[in-house]
C-alpha atoms as a PDB file:
ATOM      1  CA  MET A   1     -23.724  19.461  11.848  1.00  0.00           C
ATOM      2  CA  ASN A   2     -26.224  21.624  10.006  1.00  0.00           C
ATOM      3  CA  VAL A   3     -27.225  20.865   6.438  1.00  0.00           C
ATOM      4  CA  LYS A   4     -25.224  23.699   4.868  1.00  0.00           C
ATOM      5  CA  LEU A   5     -21.963  22.649   6.499  1.00  0.00           C
ATOM      6  CA  ARG A   6     -22.650  18.951   5.889  1.00  0.00           C
ATOM      7  CA  VAL A   7     -22.927  19.544   2.139  1.00  0.00           C
ATOM      8  CA  ILE A   8     -19.602  21.393   2.171  1.00  0.00           C
ATOM      9  CA  ALA A   9     -17.918  18.707   4.264  1.00  0.00           C
ATOM     10  CA  GLU A  10     -19.171  15.873   2.064  1.00  0.00           C
ATOM     11  CA  GLN A  11     -17.578  17.553  -0.952  1.00  0.00           C
ATOM     12  CA  GLN A  12     -14.269  17.707   0.934  1.00  0.00           C
ATOM     13  CA  GLY A  13     -13.992  14.188   2.288  1.00  0.00           C
ATOM     14  CA  GLY A  14     -15.641  15.114   5.586  1.00  0.00           C
ATOM     15  CA  VAL A  15     -13.220  17.966   6.366  1.00  0.00           C
ATOM     16  CA  PHE A  16     -14.192  21.622   6.682  1.00  0.00           C
ATOM     17  CA  SER A  17     -12.516  24.828   7.784  1.00  0.00           C
ATOM     18  CA  ARG A  18     -13.312  27.148  10.663  1.00  0.00           C
ATOM     19  CA  ARG A  19     -14.175  29.821   8.106  1.00  0.00           C
ATOM     20  CA  GLN A  20     -16.647  27.458   6.405  1.00  0.00           C
ATOM     21  CA  ALA A  21     -18.244  26.573   9.759  1.00  0.00           C
ATOM     22  CA  LEU A  22     -18.721  30.232  10.631  1.00  0.00           C
ATOM     23  CA  ALA A  23     -20.094  30.987   7.161  1.00  0.00           C
ATOM     24  CA  SER A  24     -22.571  28.116   7.620  1.00  0.00           C
ATOM     25  CA  GLY A  25     -24.083  29.693  10.733  1.00  0.00           C
ATOM     26  CA  TYR A  26     -21.979  28.449  13.640  1.00  0.00           C
ATOM     27  CA  THR A  27     -20.712  30.934  16.203  1.00  0.00           C
ATOM     28  CA  PRO A  28     -17.101  30.911  17.485  1.00  0.00           C
ATOM     29  CA  ARG A  29     -18.402  29.662  20.848  1.00  0.00           C
ATOM     30  CA  GLN A  30     -20.316  26.798  19.220  1.00  0.00           C
ATOM     31  CA  VAL A  31     -17.158  25.763  17.348  1.00  0.00           C
ATOM     32  CA  ARG A  32     -15.203  25.775  20.634  1.00  0.00           C
ATOM     33  CA  ASP A  33     -17.920  23.768  22.381  1.00  0.00           C
ATOM     34  CA  LEU A  34     -18.144  21.145  19.624  1.00  0.00           C
ATOM     35  CA  LEU A  35     -14.381  20.686  19.727  1.00  0.00           C
ATOM     36  CA  GLY A  36     -14.402  20.632  23.515  1.00  0.00           C
ATOM     37  CA  ASN A  37     -17.072  17.939  23.828  1.00  0.00           C
ATOM     38  CA  GLY A  38     -15.427  15.768  21.199  1.00  0.00           C
ATOM     39  CA  ARG A  39     -18.176  15.869  18.565  1.00  0.00           C
ATOM     40  CA  TRP A  40     -15.738  17.612  16.240  1.00  0.00           C
ATOM     41  CA  VAL A  41     -12.010  16.898  16.002  1.00  0.00           C
ATOM     42  CA  ARG A  42      -9.220  19.209  14.907  1.00  0.00           C
ATOM     43  CA  ILE A  43      -7.340  17.739  11.935  1.00  0.00           C
ATOM     44  CA  ARG A  44      -4.910  20.661  11.721  1.00  0.00           C
ATOM     45  CA  HIS A  45      -5.034  24.345  12.580  1.00  0.00           C
ATOM     46  CA  GLY A  46      -8.359  25.731  11.396  1.00  0.00           C
ATOM     47  CA  GLN A  47      -9.483  22.433   9.811  1.00  0.00           C
ATOM     48  CA  TYR A  48     -12.028  20.131  11.485  1.00  0.00           C
ATOM     49  CA  ALA A  49     -14.194  17.060  10.964  1.00  0.00           C
ATOM     50  CA  GLU A  50     -16.884  15.191  12.829  1.00  0.00           C
ATOM     51  CA  ARG A  51     -15.436  12.504  15.084  1.00  0.00           C
ATOM     52  CA  PRO A  52     -15.697   9.169  13.250  1.00  0.00           C
ATOM     53  CA  ASP A  53     -16.694   5.911  14.902  1.00  0.00           C
ATOM     54  CA  GLU A  54     -13.466   3.901  14.692  1.00  0.00           C
ATOM     55  CA  THR A  55     -14.398   1.147  17.151  1.00  0.00           C
ATOM     56  CA  GLU A  56     -15.042  -1.509  14.497  1.00  0.00           C
ATOM     57  CA  MET A  57     -12.350  -0.400  12.034  1.00  0.00           C
ATOM     58  CA  PRO A  58      -9.315  -2.600  11.336  1.00  0.00           C
ATOM     59  CA  ASP A  59      -6.047  -0.791  12.003  1.00  0.00           C
ATOM     60  CA  TRP A  60      -5.292  -0.222   8.322  1.00  0.00           C
ATOM     61  CA  GLU A  61      -8.705   1.354   7.675  1.00  0.00           C
ATOM     62  CA  ARG A  62      -8.268   3.677  10.644  1.00  0.00           C
ATOM     63  CA  ILE A  63      -4.799   4.703   9.426  1.00  0.00           C
ATOM     64  CA  ARG A  64      -6.124   5.289   5.903  1.00  0.00           C
ATOM     65  CA  LEU A  65      -9.070   7.372   7.137  1.00  0.00           C
ATOM     66  CA  ARG A  66      -6.883   9.549   9.349  1.00  0.00           C
ATOM     67  CA  HIS A  67      -4.386  10.201   6.589  1.00  0.00           C
ATOM     68  CA  LEU A  68      -7.116  10.962   4.065  1.00  0.00           C
ATOM     69  CA  ARG A  69      -8.489  13.552   6.455  1.00  0.00           C
ATOM     70  CA  ALA A  70      -5.012  14.994   6.964  1.00  0.00           C
ATOM     71  CA  ILE A  71      -4.658  15.251   3.172  1.00  0.00           C
ATOM     72  CA  ARG A  72      -8.008  17.009   2.834  1.00  0.00           C
ATOM     73  CA  ALA A  73      -7.173  19.420   5.644  1.00  0.00           C
ATOM     74  CA  ALA A  74      -3.789  20.239   4.107  1.00  0.00           C
ATOM     75  CA  MET A  75      -5.249  20.793   0.651  1.00  0.00           C
ATOM     76  CA  ASN A  76      -8.001  23.003   2.089  1.00  0.00           C
ATOM     77  CA  SER A  77      -5.254  25.160   3.603  1.00  0.00           C
ATOM     78  CA  LEU A  78      -3.263  25.567   0.385  1.00  0.00           C
ATOM     79  CA  ARG A  79      -3.968  27.684  -2.661  1.00  0.00           C
ATOM     80  CA  PRO A  80      -5.933  25.652  -5.250  1.00  0.00           C
ATOM     81  CA  GLY A  81      -3.690  24.417  -8.052  1.00  0.00           C
ATOM     82  CA  SER A  82      -0.456  25.164  -6.186  1.00  0.00           C
ATOM     83  CA  VAL A  83       0.294  21.519  -5.325  1.00  0.00           C
ATOM     84  CA  ALA A  84      -0.673  17.953  -6.150  1.00  0.00           C
ATOM     85  CA  VAL A  85      -0.951  15.204  -3.557  1.00  0.00           C
ATOM     86  CA  SER A  86       1.992  12.904  -4.227  1.00  0.00           C
ATOM     87  CA  HIS A  87       4.226  10.088  -2.960  1.00  0.00           C
ATOM     88  CA  GLN A  88       2.687   7.822  -0.285  1.00  0.00           C
ATOM     89  CA  SER A  89      -0.173  10.283   0.291  1.00  0.00           C
ATOM     90  CA  ALA A  90      -1.240   9.794  -3.335  1.00  0.00           C
ATOM     91  CA  LEU A  91      -1.096   6.030  -2.796  1.00  0.00           C
ATOM     92  CA  VAL A  92      -3.521   6.435   0.114  1.00  0.00           C
ATOM     93  CA  VAL A  93      -5.927   8.349  -2.156  1.00  0.00           C
ATOM     94  CA  HIS A  94      -5.626   5.621  -4.806  1.00  0.00           C
ATOM     95  CA  GLY A  95      -6.375   2.895  -2.240  1.00  0.00           C
ATOM     96  CA  LEU A  96      -3.100   0.980  -2.543  1.00  0.00           C
ATOM     97  CA  PRO A  97      -1.588  -1.020   0.364  1.00  0.00           C
ATOM     98  CA  LEU A  98      -0.028   1.026   3.137  1.00  0.00           C
ATOM     99  CA  TRP A  99       2.265  -1.579   4.687  1.00  0.00           C
ATOM    100  CA  GLY A 100       5.574  -0.101   5.830  1.00  0.00           C
ATOM    101  CA  LEU A 101       4.727   3.450   4.727  1.00  0.00           C
ATOM    102  CA  ASP A 102       5.387   6.383   7.058  1.00  0.00           C
ATOM    103  CA  LEU A 103       2.191   8.429   7.028  1.00  0.00           C
ATOM    104  CA  GLU A 104       3.127  10.933   9.689  1.00  0.00           C
ATOM    105  CA  LEU A 105       3.391  13.684   7.066  1.00  0.00           C
ATOM    106  CA  VAL A 106       1.207  14.637   4.117  1.00  0.00           C
ATOM    107  CA  HIS A 107       3.249  14.635   0.890  1.00  0.00           C
ATOM    108  CA  VAL A 108       2.608  17.087  -1.942  1.00  0.00           C
ATOM    109  CA  THR A 109       4.560  18.219  -5.000  1.00  0.00           C
ATOM    110  CA  ARG A 110       4.730  21.898  -5.868  1.00  0.00           C
ATOM    111  CA  LEU A 111       3.188  22.982  -9.159  1.00  0.00           C
ATOM    112  CA  ASP A 112       3.817  26.707  -8.764  1.00  0.00           C
ATOM    113  CA  GLY A 113       7.605  26.872  -8.621  1.00  0.00           C
ATOM    114  CA  GLN A 114       7.640  27.733  -4.918  1.00  0.00           C
ATOM    115  CA  ALA A 115      10.224  26.273  -2.543  1.00  0.00           C
ATOM    116  CA  GLY A 116       9.946  22.801  -1.099  1.00  0.00           C
ATOM    117  CA  GLY A 117      10.423  21.797   2.510  1.00  0.00           C
ATOM    118  CA  LEU A 118       8.436  20.836   5.612  1.00  0.00           C
ATOM    119  CA  THR A 119       5.655  23.126   6.787  1.00  0.00           C
ATOM    120  CA  ALA A 120       2.978  22.341   9.373  1.00  0.00           C
ATOM    121  CA  GLY A 121       3.053  18.588   8.835  1.00  0.00           C
ATOM    122  CA  VAL A 122       3.206  18.803   5.047  1.00  0.00           C
ATOM    123  CA  ARG A 123       6.284  17.755   3.070  1.00  0.00           C
ATOM    124  CA  HIS A 124       6.511  19.916  -0.067  1.00  0.00           C
ATOM    125  CA  HIS A 125       8.501  18.163  -2.814  1.00  0.00           C
ATOM    126  CA  LEU A 126       9.955  19.764  -5.904  1.00  0.00           C
ATOM    127  CA  GLY A 127       9.449  17.930  -9.181  1.00  0.00           C
ATOM    128  CA  VAL A 128       8.425  18.292 -12.793  1.00  0.00           C
ATOM    129  CA  LEU A 129       4.922  16.967 -13.358  1.00  0.00           C
ATOM    130  CA  ILE A 130       3.345  16.727 -16.795  1.00  0.00           C
ATOM    131  CA  PRO A 131      -0.370  16.143 -17.489  1.00  0.00           C
ATOM    132  CA  ALA A 132       0.259  12.385 -17.831  1.00  0.00           C
ATOM    133  CA  ASP A 133       1.451  12.377 -14.200  1.00  0.00           C
ATOM    134  CA  LEU A 134      -1.738  13.911 -12.790  1.00  0.00           C
ATOM    135  CA  ALA A 135      -5.257  12.730 -12.041  1.00  0.00           C
ATOM    136  CA  VAL A 136      -8.271  14.029 -10.145  1.00  0.00           C
ATOM    137  CA  ILE A 137      -9.692  11.617  -7.569  1.00  0.00           C
ATOM    138  CA  ASP A 138     -12.770  12.683  -5.575  1.00  0.00           C
ATOM    139  CA  GLY A 139     -11.929  16.292  -6.315  1.00  0.00           C
ATOM    140  CA  LEU A 140      -8.293  15.999  -5.255  1.00  0.00           C
ATOM    141  CA  LEU A 141      -5.446  16.680  -7.676  1.00  0.00           C
ATOM    142  CA  VAL A 142      -3.046  13.766  -7.190  1.00  0.00           C
ATOM    143  CA  THR A 143      -0.173  12.117  -8.989  1.00  0.00           C
ATOM    144  CA  THR A 144      -1.186   9.001 -10.928  1.00  0.00           C
ATOM    145  CA  VAL A 145      -0.584   5.519  -9.548  1.00  0.00           C
ATOM    146  CA  PRO A 146       2.579   4.921 -11.663  1.00  0.00           C
ATOM    147  CA  ARG A 147       4.062   8.299 -10.710  1.00  0.00           C
ATOM    148  CA  ALA A 148       3.139   7.864  -7.026  1.00  0.00           C
ATOM    149  CA  VAL A 149       4.721   4.403  -6.971  1.00  0.00           C
ATOM    150  CA  VAL A 150       8.083   5.621  -8.280  1.00  0.00           C
ATOM    151  CA  GLU A 151       7.949   8.696  -6.036  1.00  0.00           C
ATOM    152  CA  THR A 152       7.360   6.491  -3.013  1.00  0.00           C
ATOM    153  CA  ALA A 153       9.873   3.820  -4.037  1.00  0.00           C
ATOM    154  CA  SER A 154      12.548   6.507  -4.211  1.00  0.00           C
ATOM    155  CA  ILE A 155      12.192   7.408  -0.518  1.00  0.00           C
ATOM    156  CA  VAL A 156      11.108   4.218   1.304  1.00  0.00           C
ATOM    157  CA  PRO A 157      12.864   0.898   2.009  1.00  0.00           C
ATOM    158  CA  PHE A 158      13.000  -1.641  -0.834  1.00  0.00           C
ATOM    159  CA  GLU A 159      10.462  -3.972   0.794  1.00  0.00           C
ATOM    160  CA  SER A 160       7.831  -1.248   1.192  1.00  0.00           C
ATOM    161  CA  GLY A 161       8.389  -0.097  -2.382  1.00  0.00           C
ATOM    162  CA  VAL A 162       7.928  -3.628  -3.729  1.00  0.00           C
ATOM    163  CA  VAL A 163       4.663  -4.066  -1.817  1.00  0.00           C
ATOM    164  CA  VAL A 164       3.072  -1.021  -3.485  1.00  0.00           C
ATOM    165  CA  ALA A 165       4.643  -1.683  -6.907  1.00  0.00           C
ATOM    166  CA  ASP A 166       3.377  -5.292  -6.927  1.00  0.00           C
ATOM    167  CA  ALA A 167      -0.107  -4.074  -6.005  1.00  0.00           C
ATOM    168  CA  ALA A 168      -0.076  -1.393  -8.708  1.00  0.00           C
ATOM    169  CA  LEU A 169       1.040  -3.878 -11.366  1.00  0.00           C
ATOM    170  CA  ARG A 170      -1.574  -6.364 -10.189  1.00  0.00           C
ATOM    171  CA  ARG A 171      -4.198  -3.653 -10.593  1.00  0.00           C
ATOM    172  CA  GLY A 172      -3.019  -3.026 -14.170  1.00  0.00           C
ATOM    173  CA  ALA A 173      -2.111   0.572 -13.348  1.00  0.00           C
ATOM    174  CA  PHE A 174       1.158   0.525 -15.316  1.00  0.00           C
ATOM    175  CA  THR A 175       1.483   0.476 -19.092  1.00  0.00           C
ATOM    176  CA  ALA A 176       4.689  -0.189 -20.994  1.00  0.00           C
ATOM    177  CA  GLY A 177       4.685   3.495 -21.892  1.00  0.00           C
ATOM    178  CA  ASP A 178       4.437   4.483 -18.225  1.00  0.00           C
ATOM    179  CA  LEU A 179       7.437   2.344 -17.342  1.00  0.00           C
ATOM    180  CA  GLU A 180       9.568   3.694 -20.163  1.00  0.00           C
ATOM    181  CA  ARG A 181       8.678   7.317 -19.475  1.00  0.00           C
ATOM    182  CA  LEU A 182       9.130   7.107 -15.715  1.00  0.00           C
ATOM    183  CA  GLN A 183      12.417   5.230 -15.997  1.00  0.00           C
ATOM    184  CA  GLY A 184      13.692   8.258 -17.880  1.00  0.00           C
ATOM    185  CA  ALA A 185      12.123  10.746 -15.471  1.00  0.00           C
ATOM    186  CA  ILE A 186      13.839   9.261 -12.408  1.00  0.00           C
ATOM    187  CA  GLU A 187      17.270   8.878 -14.019  1.00  0.00           C
ATOM    188  CA  PHE A 188      18.786  11.737 -12.025  1.00  0.00           C
ATOM    189  CA  TRP A 189      16.625  11.569  -8.898  1.00  0.00           C
ATOM    190  CA  PRO A 190      18.571  11.066  -5.631  1.00  0.00           C
ATOM    191  CA  GLY A 191      16.389   8.011  -5.016  1.00  0.00           C
ATOM    192  CA  GLY A 192      16.326   6.950  -8.661  1.00  0.00           C
ATOM    193  CA  PRO A 193      18.461   3.814  -8.233  1.00  0.00           C
ATOM    194  CA  ALA A 194      16.186   2.593  -5.421  1.00  0.00           C
ATOM    195  CA  ALA A 195      13.063   3.203  -7.503  1.00  0.00           C
ATOM    196  CA  ARG A 196      14.554   1.420 -10.536  1.00  0.00           C
ATOM    197  CA  ALA A 197      15.450  -1.593  -8.365  1.00  0.00           C
ATOM    198  CA  VAL A 198      11.847  -1.787  -7.178  1.00  0.00           C
ATOM    199  CA  LEU A 199      10.472  -1.575 -10.730  1.00  0.00           C
ATOM    200  CA  ARG A 200      12.814  -4.325 -11.920  1.00  0.00           C
ATOM    201  CA  PHE A 201      11.776  -6.637  -9.084  1.00  0.00           C
ATOM    202  CA  ALA A 202       8.026  -5.917  -8.992  1.00  0.00           C
ATOM    203  CA  ASP A 203       5.691  -8.652 -10.227  1.00  0.00           C
ATOM    204  CA  PRO A 204       1.907  -8.513 -10.772  1.00  0.00           C
ATOM    205  CA  LEU A 205       1.630 -12.210  -9.861  1.00  0.00           C
ATOM    206  CA  SER A 206       2.372 -11.365  -6.234  1.00  0.00           C
ATOM    207  CA  GLU A 207      -1.194 -11.388  -4.960  1.00  0.00           C
ATOM    208  CA  SER A 208      -0.959  -9.863  -1.479  1.00  0.00           C
ATOM    209  CA  VAL A 209       1.183  -7.799   0.846  1.00  0.00           C
ATOM    210  CA  GLY A 210       2.349 -10.970   2.569  1.00  0.00           C
ATOM    211  CA  GLU A 211       3.378 -12.639  -0.679  1.00  0.00           C
ATOM    212  CA  SER A 212       5.341  -9.555  -1.714  1.00  0.00           C
ATOM    213  CA  ARG A 213       7.139  -9.513   1.621  1.00  0.00           C
ATOM    214  CA  VAL A 214       7.993 -13.227   1.451  1.00  0.00           C
ATOM    215  CA  ARG A 215       9.329 -12.745  -2.074  1.00  0.00           C
ATOM    216  CA  VAL A 216      11.552  -9.866  -0.932  1.00  0.00           C
ATOM    217  CA  LEU A 217      12.755 -11.927   2.019  1.00  0.00           C
ATOM    218  CA  MET A 218      13.772 -14.805  -0.246  1.00  0.00           C
ATOM    219  CA  HIS A 219      15.546 -12.391  -2.594  1.00  0.00           C
ATOM    220  CA  GLN A 220      17.443 -10.676   0.199  1.00  0.00           C
ATOM    221  CA  HIS A 221      18.545 -13.990   1.694  1.00  0.00           C
ATOM    222  CA  GLY A 222      19.980 -15.232  -1.584  1.00  0.00           C
ATOM    223  CA  LEU A 223      17.389 -17.908  -2.291  1.00  0.00           C
ATOM    224  CA  PRO A 224      16.599 -18.853  -5.904  1.00  0.00           C
ATOM    225  CA  ALA A 225      13.907 -16.855  -7.668  1.00  0.00           C
ATOM    226  CA  PRO A 226      10.663 -18.878  -7.586  1.00  0.00           C
ATOM    227  CA  LYS A 227       7.923 -19.098 -10.190  1.00  0.00           C
ATOM    228  CA  LEU A 228       4.674 -17.520  -9.048  1.00  0.00           C
ATOM    229  CA  GLN A 229       1.135 -18.923  -9.159  1.00  0.00           C
ATOM    230  CA  VAL A 230       1.937 -22.062 -11.177  1.00  0.00           C
ATOM    231  CA  GLU A 231      -1.078 -24.354 -11.600  1.00  0.00           C
ATOM    232  CA  PHE A 232      -0.817 -27.988 -10.490  1.00  0.00           C
ATOM    233  CA  TYR A 233      -3.092 -30.833 -11.566  1.00  0.00           C
ATOM    234  CA  ASP A 234      -3.598 -34.468 -10.656  1.00  0.00           C
ATOM    235  CA  ALA A 235      -6.100 -37.125 -11.712  1.00  0.00           C
ATOM    236  CA  GLU A 236      -8.866 -35.225  -9.912  1.00  0.00           C
ATOM    237  CA  GLY A 237      -8.137 -31.994 -11.778  1.00  0.00           C
ATOM    238  CA  LEU A 238      -6.794 -28.664 -10.641  1.00  0.00           C
ATOM    239  CA  ILE A 239      -5.181 -28.750  -7.203  1.00  0.00           C
ATOM    240  CA  GLY A 240      -4.411 -25.059  -7.004  1.00  0.00           C
ATOM    241  CA  ARG A 241      -1.814 -22.359  -7.622  1.00  0.00           C
ATOM    242  CA  PRO A 242       0.797 -22.294  -4.859  1.00  0.00           C
ATOM    243  CA  ASP A 243       2.262 -18.847  -4.246  1.00  0.00           C
ATOM    244  CA  PHE A 244       5.867 -19.856  -4.985  1.00  0.00           C
ATOM    245  CA  TYR A 245       7.240 -22.835  -6.920  1.00  0.00           C
ATOM    246  CA  PHE A 246      10.894 -23.863  -7.073  1.00  0.00           C
ATOM    247  CA  ASP A 247      10.879 -26.267  -9.996  1.00  0.00           C
ATOM    248  CA  ALA A 248      14.500 -27.438  -9.707  1.00  0.00           C
ATOM    249  CA  GLU A 249      13.934 -28.322  -6.060  1.00  0.00           C
ATOM    250  CA  ASP A 250      10.362 -29.703  -6.294  1.00  0.00           C
ATOM    251  CA  SER A 251       9.270 -27.345  -3.523  1.00  0.00           C
ATOM    252  CA  VAL A 252       6.424 -24.911  -3.038  1.00  0.00           C
ATOM    253  CA  VAL A 253       6.008 -22.162  -0.476  1.00  0.00           C
ATOM    254  CA  GLU A 254       2.565 -20.954   0.541  1.00  0.00           C
ATOM    255  CA  PHE A 255       1.816 -17.753   2.435  1.00  0.00           C
ATOM    256  CA  ASP A 256      -1.294 -18.024   4.606  1.00  0.00           C
ATOM    257  CA  GLY A 257      -2.688 -14.628   5.504  1.00  0.00           C
ATOM    258  CA  LEU A 258      -5.019 -16.441   7.949  1.00  0.00           C
ATOM    259  CA  LEU A 259      -7.986 -14.196   7.177  1.00  0.00           C
ATOM    260  CA  LYS A 260      -9.624 -16.847   5.020  1.00  0.00           C
ATOM    261  CA  TYR A 261      -9.190 -19.422   7.812  1.00  0.00           C
ATOM    262  CA  SER A 262     -10.165 -17.126  10.682  1.00  0.00           C
ATOM    263  CA  SER A 263     -13.522 -18.824  11.147  1.00  0.00           C
ATOM    264  CA  GLY A 264     -11.747 -22.069  11.966  1.00  0.00           C
ATOM    265  CA  GLU A 265     -14.528 -24.018  10.253  1.00  0.00           C
ATOM    266  CA  PRO A 266     -13.562 -27.717  10.076  1.00  0.00           C
ATOM    267  CA  GLU A 267     -14.537 -28.104   6.415  1.00  0.00           C
ATOM    268  CA  VAL A 268     -12.210 -25.252   5.433  1.00  0.00           C
ATOM    269  CA  LEU A 269      -9.287 -26.716   7.338  1.00  0.00           C
ATOM    270  CA  ILE A 270      -9.985 -30.200   5.952  1.00  0.00           C
ATOM    271  CA  ARG A 271     -10.124 -28.823   2.405  1.00  0.00           C
ATOM    272  CA  GLU A 272      -6.755 -27.093   2.850  1.00  0.00           C
ATOM    273  CA  LYS A 273      -5.216 -30.246   4.338  1.00  0.00           C
ATOM    274  CA  ARG A 274      -6.521 -32.269   1.382  1.00  0.00           C
ATOM    275  CA  ARG A 275      -5.047 -29.744  -1.060  1.00  0.00           C
ATOM    276  CA  GLU A 276      -1.656 -29.965   0.635  1.00  0.00           C
ATOM    277  CA  ASP A 277      -1.760 -33.780   0.590  1.00  0.00           C
ATOM    278  CA  ARG A 278      -2.443 -33.726  -3.162  1.00  0.00           C
ATOM    279  CA  LEU A 279       0.565 -31.471  -3.743  1.00  0.00           C
ATOM    280  CA  ARG A 280       2.777 -33.778  -1.703  1.00  0.00           C
ATOM    281  CA  ALA A 281       1.487 -36.771  -3.674  1.00  0.00           C
ATOM    282  CA  LEU A 282       3.049 -35.119  -6.748  1.00  0.00           C
ATOM    283  CA  GLY A 283       6.421 -35.295  -5.007  1.00  0.00           C
ATOM    284  CA  LEU A 284       6.433 -31.667  -3.897  1.00  0.00           C
ATOM    285  CA  HIS A 285       7.714 -30.473  -0.538  1.00  0.00           C
ATOM    286  CA  VAL A 286       5.350 -27.871   0.945  1.00  0.00           C
ATOM    287  CA  VAL A 287       6.386 -25.030   3.251  1.00  0.00           C
ATOM    288  CA  ARG A 288       3.677 -22.912   4.840  1.00  0.00           C
ATOM    289  CA  THR A 289       4.357 -19.435   6.196  1.00  0.00           C
ATOM    290  CA  VAL A 290       2.203 -17.019   8.181  1.00  0.00           C
ATOM    291  CA  TRP A 291       2.440 -13.348   9.178  1.00  0.00           C
ATOM    292  CA  SER A 292       4.302 -14.091  12.400  1.00  0.00           C
ATOM    293  CA  ASP A 293       7.094 -15.838  10.438  1.00  0.00           C
ATOM    294  CA  LEU A 294       7.934 -12.517   8.792  1.00  0.00           C
ATOM    295  CA  SER A 295       9.019 -11.145  12.167  1.00  0.00           C
ATOM    296  CA  ARG A 296      11.755 -13.847  12.174  1.00  0.00           C
ATOM    297  CA  PRO A 297      13.171 -13.467   8.658  1.00  0.00           C
ATOM    298  CA  ASP A 298      16.424 -15.389   9.247  1.00  0.00           C
ATOM    299  CA  GLN A 299      14.503 -18.342  10.648  1.00  0.00           C
ATOM    300  CA  LEU A 300      11.987 -18.344   7.812  1.00  0.00           C
ATOM    301  CA  ALA A 301      14.754 -18.122   5.197  1.00  0.00           C
ATOM    302  CA  ALA A 302      16.523 -21.063   6.844  1.00  0.00           C
ATOM    303  CA  THR A 303      13.313 -23.111   6.780  1.00  0.00           C
ATOM    304  CA  ILE A 304      12.820 -22.456   3.070  1.00  0.00           C
ATOM    305  CA  ARG A 305      16.492 -23.169   2.353  1.00  0.00           C
ATOM    306  CA  ARG A 306      16.234 -26.570   4.097  1.00  0.00           C
ATOM    307  CA  SER A 307      13.228 -27.401   1.922  1.00  0.00           C
ATOM    308  CA  LEU A 308      15.184 -26.540  -1.220  1.00  0.00           C
ATOM    309  CA  ASN A 309      18.333 -28.394  -0.141  1.00  0.00           C
ATOM    310  CA  ARG A 310      16.449 -31.637   0.460  1.00  0.00           C
ATOM    311  CA  ALA A 311      16.049 -32.027  -3.330  1.00  0.00           C
ATOM    312  CA  ARG A 312      19.734 -31.489  -4.075  1.00  0.00           C
ATOM    313  CA  PRO A 313      22.110 -34.467  -4.016  1.00  0.00           C
ATOM    314  CA  ALA A 314      24.832 -34.321  -1.384  1.00  0.00           C
ATOM    315  CA  ALA A 315      28.182 -33.057  -2.651  1.00  0.00           C
END
C-alpha cells in the first residue's frame, strides 16, 4: 500500500474505498490484482482492507477485528452524519464482551429520519437519540455504552444481555442518571421489558463473562441469589473472594476460566489447592465450575443444588 492510501486507511480503521485507492494512484487493474492475489480483501462492495495476519489471534479478537472492519466499511458507504453505530456493533467499538452476540450484521440507528430496514448487511434501526446518547470513538459516531447496552439487551437473549450489562457496570459506564433516563426511554420499546429485566439483574461484582453466565444459570434454575465477591479470612489472613457465596447454606461456588492456570505450573495449582483447603476449614462447601460445565446447565445446576441442600436439615 502506498503512503497516501496508508494514511487514509489508518484514519479509517484500516478500511478504504475503491474511489480512495484510485485517487491515491492505483489503477483499476492494480486493484483487481491486489484483490486477486489476496493482499487486499473485500470487506463489502467497493470497500477494502489489507489482509490481516490472523494466525495468532484468539477467536474473539478475530471476530472483533472483522466486525470493526465491517463497521468501518459500512460507515464509509453512508452519508456522514446520517447514522450512528448502535446496538451490538457499538459494543464492539467500545470493547465490551461479545459472548452470545450475533455479529453477522452491522447495526446503525438513523439520525436523518430515513426509513429503517436491512440493506447490504446493515440493519438500520429507527430511534430517538439525544446528545447524551452519542459519542465519538476513533472518529466513529456511536451510541454510548449505556445506550448500546439497553439497545442490545432489547434484542438479544437474557443471558447475552446480562453479560454485556455486567461488564458495562463493572467498567463504571453507567451513572444513576443514565439508568433513570434510559429506563424511561425504553418504556414503550418492543424489547423494553427484556432490557429492563437485564438492568434489574445486572451486577458490577460479576467479574467475567463466565461468572455472569453462571449467575444467570443459577437464577434461571431457581437457585437462591448468592452474594458476590465476599472476602474470607482465617488466622493467616485473607483467603480470597470466592465468586459466589450462599451464606445460609455455607457454600461457595467458584468459576475457573482456566486461563490463569493454563501454564499448569505446580506452584500455581498448589496455591489454589491450599486456598480451597482454607475455605473448607471454615466449614464451607466448595463447588468449582469451568467453561465446559456451562454446556451442561442442568447438570451444573443440580451439582450446585446438592451443595446447598447438604447444609439444610432433612424435613
